[in-house]
Amino acid sequence: EKAITVYRNKRAAEVGSRLHAWAKDTIDLGIKQPRSKKTLYAYVNDAIGFRMSPEVLLYYSQFFYGTADAISFEKGFLRIHDLKTGATPTSFNQTNIYDALFCLEYGFSPFDIEREHRIYQNDDYRISNPGPMIIRKIMDKIISFDKILSEINETYL
């Protein structure tokens, strides 16, 4: 049973990676999909409609970085969309971290911008508008842990 579960999880991850790659190419090419509630089509169409960039690396340090599925920043408004291809329930923790990484990388205060996060999953999407204090707390943790990990890393050089 364990081997079957591991195999199924590995296959699901491979399919998810392929779907993300297809979505990136489709968004980059601006190929709108049929109007549908299907997760993939809605995600692609919204990313194109909002002029978002797919698969964007957000980098603060060698210890803290991530790739946002789709992101845009225009006129003080940060939009982050996350495509989930599995059925497991998800939270907005990942998009909140991407928001914090964006602010750190580009030098924005979370209090000076507006934001909307979306998770696309199971032929629907959910929206979150986290307050700036939530993002600031994540930024503070990243800064603090980055200092600790950098010091530890230096002892091994």
Protein backbone atom coordinates (compact mmCIF):
# COMPACT_ATOMS: atom_id res chain seq x y z
CA GLU A 1 0.00 0.00 0.00
CA LYS A 2 2.81 2.40 0.87
CA ALA A 3 4.57 1.80 -2.46
CA ILE A 4 1.31 2.43 -4.33
CA THR A 5 0.71 5.65 -2.39
CA VAL A 6 4.26 6.87 -3.09
CA TYR A 7 3.85 6.02 -6.78
CA ARG A 8 0.50 7.80 -7.05
CA ASN A 9 1.88 10.89 -5.29
CA LYS A 10 4.88 10.94 -7.61
CA ARG A 11 2.66 10.67 -10.69
CA ALA A 12 0.35 13.40 -9.39
CA ALA A 13 3.36 15.68 -8.86
CA GLU A 14 4.56 14.98 -12.41
CA VAL A 15 1.14 15.78 -13.85
CA GLY A 16 1.01 18.96 -11.75
CA SER A 17 4.41 20.05 -13.05
CA ARG A 18 3.35 19.43 -16.64
CA LEU A 19 0.10 21.36 -16.17
CA HIS A 20 2.02 24.31 -14.70
CA ALA A 21 4.43 24.24 -17.65
CA TRP A 22 1.53 24.16 -20.12
CA ALA A 23 -0.19 27.03 -18.29
CA LYS A 24 3.02 29.09 -18.35
CA ASP A 25 3.46 28.60 -22.10
CA THR A 26 -0.21 29.34 -22.75
CA ILE A 27 -0.11 32.54 -20.67
CA ASP A 28 3.18 33.65 -22.27
CA LEU A 29 1.64 33.16 -25.71
CA GLY A 30 -1.61 34.88 -24.67
CA ILE A 31 -3.77 31.98 -25.83
CA LYS A 32 -7.15 32.42 -24.16
CA GLN A 33 -9.01 29.24 -23.31
CA PRO A 34 -12.73 28.51 -23.69
CA ARG A 35 -14.81 30.25 -21.02
CA SER A 36 -15.19 27.61 -18.39
CA LYS A 37 -15.11 27.02 -14.66
CA LYS A 38 -12.42 24.39 -15.25
CA THR A 39 -9.55 25.24 -12.92
CA LEU A 40 -6.85 25.36 -15.58
CA TYR A 41 -8.87 27.42 -18.06
CA ALA A 42 -10.01 29.95 -15.46
CA TYR A 43 -6.46 30.30 -14.12
CA VAL A 44 -4.97 30.85 -17.59
CA ASN A 45 -7.70 33.25 -18.73
CA ASP A 46 -7.49 35.33 -15.56
CA ALA A 47 -3.69 35.51 -15.73
CA ILE A 48 -3.89 36.70 -19.33
CA GLY A 49 -6.71 39.12 -18.55
CA PHE A 50 -4.85 40.65 -15.61
CA ARG A 51 -1.60 40.77 -17.65
CA MET A 52 0.24 38.60 -15.16
CA SER A 53 3.65 37.01 -15.55
CA PRO A 54 3.77 33.25 -14.96
CA GLU A 55 6.34 31.30 -12.95
CA VAL A 56 8.19 34.29 -11.49
CA LEU A 57 11.10 33.72 -9.12
CA LEU A 58 10.89 35.84 -5.97
CA TYR A 59 14.31 35.93 -4.34
CA TYR A 60 15.35 37.40 -1.01
CA SER A 61 18.36 35.20 -0.25
CA GLN A 62 19.80 31.77 -0.83
CA PHE A 63 17.60 30.58 2.03
CA PHE A 64 14.36 32.38 1.18
CA TYR A 65 12.90 32.33 -2.31
CA GLY A 66 10.00 30.86 -4.23
CA THR A 67 8.30 30.81 -7.59
CA ALA A 68 4.90 32.47 -7.86
CA ASP A 69 2.61 30.70 -10.33
CA ALA A 70 1.36 34.06 -11.65
CA ILE A 71 2.06 37.58 -10.40
CA SER A 72 1.58 41.20 -11.39
CA PHE A 73 2.25 44.54 -9.81
CA GLU A 74 0.67 47.61 -11.33
CA LYS A 75 -0.20 51.00 -9.85
CA GLY A 76 0.46 49.85 -6.30
CA PHE A 77 -1.64 46.69 -6.61
CA LEU A 78 -0.01 43.27 -6.12
CA ARG A 79 -1.87 40.29 -7.54
CA ILE A 80 -0.71 36.71 -6.85
CA HIS A 81 -2.47 33.63 -8.27
CA ASP A 82 -1.67 30.07 -7.26
CA LEU A 83 -2.70 27.05 -9.35
CA LYS A 84 -3.38 23.90 -7.33
CA THR A 85 -3.81 20.73 -9.37
CA GLY A 86 -4.35 18.35 -6.45
CA ALA A 87 -7.49 17.79 -4.39
CA THR A 88 -5.88 18.37 -0.98
CA PRO A 89 -7.28 21.44 0.80
CA THR A 90 -4.89 24.39 0.76
CA SER A 91 -4.35 27.65 2.61
CA PHE A 92 -3.09 31.07 1.59
CA ASN A 93 0.17 30.64 3.53
CA GLN A 94 2.15 30.18 0.32
CA THR A 95 0.76 33.29 -1.38
CA ASN A 96 1.35 35.29 1.80
CA ILE A 97 4.99 34.21 1.75
CA TYR A 98 5.28 35.19 -1.92
CA ASP A 99 3.80 38.58 -1.03
CA ALA A 100 6.42 39.03 1.71
CA LEU A 101 9.23 37.93 -0.62
CA PHE A 102 8.00 40.40 -3.26
CA CYS A 103 8.04 43.26 -0.74
CA LEU A 104 11.50 42.30 0.49
CA GLU A 105 12.99 41.85 -2.97
CA TYR A 106 11.60 45.06 -4.42
CA GLY A 107 11.74 47.22 -1.27
CA PHE A 108 8.03 47.81 -0.74
CA SER A 109 6.33 48.27 2.58
CA PRO A 110 3.26 46.03 2.79
CA PHE A 111 1.43 49.05 4.18
CA ASP A 112 1.99 51.01 0.96
CA ILE A 113 0.42 48.56 -1.49
CA GLU A 114 -2.89 46.81 -2.00
CA ARG A 115 -3.12 43.11 -2.74
CA GLU A 116 -5.27 40.22 -3.86
CA HIS A 117 -4.33 36.56 -3.69
CA ARG A 118 -6.21 33.77 -5.44
CA ILE A 119 -6.01 30.00 -5.24
CA TYR A 120 -7.42 28.12 -8.24
CA GLN A 121 -8.46 24.56 -7.36
CA ASN A 122 -11.29 22.09 -7.94
CA ASP A 123 -12.97 24.17 -10.68
CA ASP A 124 -13.26 27.21 -8.45
CA TYR A 125 -11.09 29.91 -6.93
CA ARG A 126 -10.85 31.53 -3.54
CA ILE A 127 -9.75 35.10 -2.85
CA SER A 128 -7.76 36.48 0.06
CA ASN A 129 -6.82 40.07 0.83
CA PRO A 130 -4.37 39.69 3.71
CA GLY A 131 -3.77 42.77 5.80
CA PRO A 132 -0.37 44.43 5.68
CA MET A 133 0.43 43.38 9.26
CA ILE A 134 0.20 39.69 8.27
CA ILE A 135 2.71 40.28 5.47
CA ARG A 136 4.97 42.42 7.70
CA LYS A 137 5.15 39.62 10.31
CA ILE A 138 6.21 37.14 7.61
CA MET A 139 8.81 39.61 6.33
CA ASP A 140 10.19 40.02 9.86
CA LYS A 141 10.46 36.24 10.28
CA ILE A 142 12.25 35.89 6.94
CA ILE A 143 14.73 38.64 7.85
CA SER A 144 15.35 37.15 11.29
CA PHE A 145 15.77 33.55 10.11
CA ASP A 146 17.91 34.65 7.18
CA LYS A 147 20.38 36.28 9.60
CA ILE A 148 20.49 33.13 11.73
CA LEU A 149 20.96 30.82 8.75
CA SER A 150 23.60 33.11 7.24
CA GLU A 151 25.59 33.05 10.50
CA ILE A 152 25.32 29.27 10.71
CA ASN A 153 26.30 28.98 7.07
CA GLU A 154 29.42 31.10 7.65
CA THR A 155 30.65 28.73 10.37
CA TYR A 156 30.75 25.92 7.82
CA LEU A 157 32.81 27.84 5.23
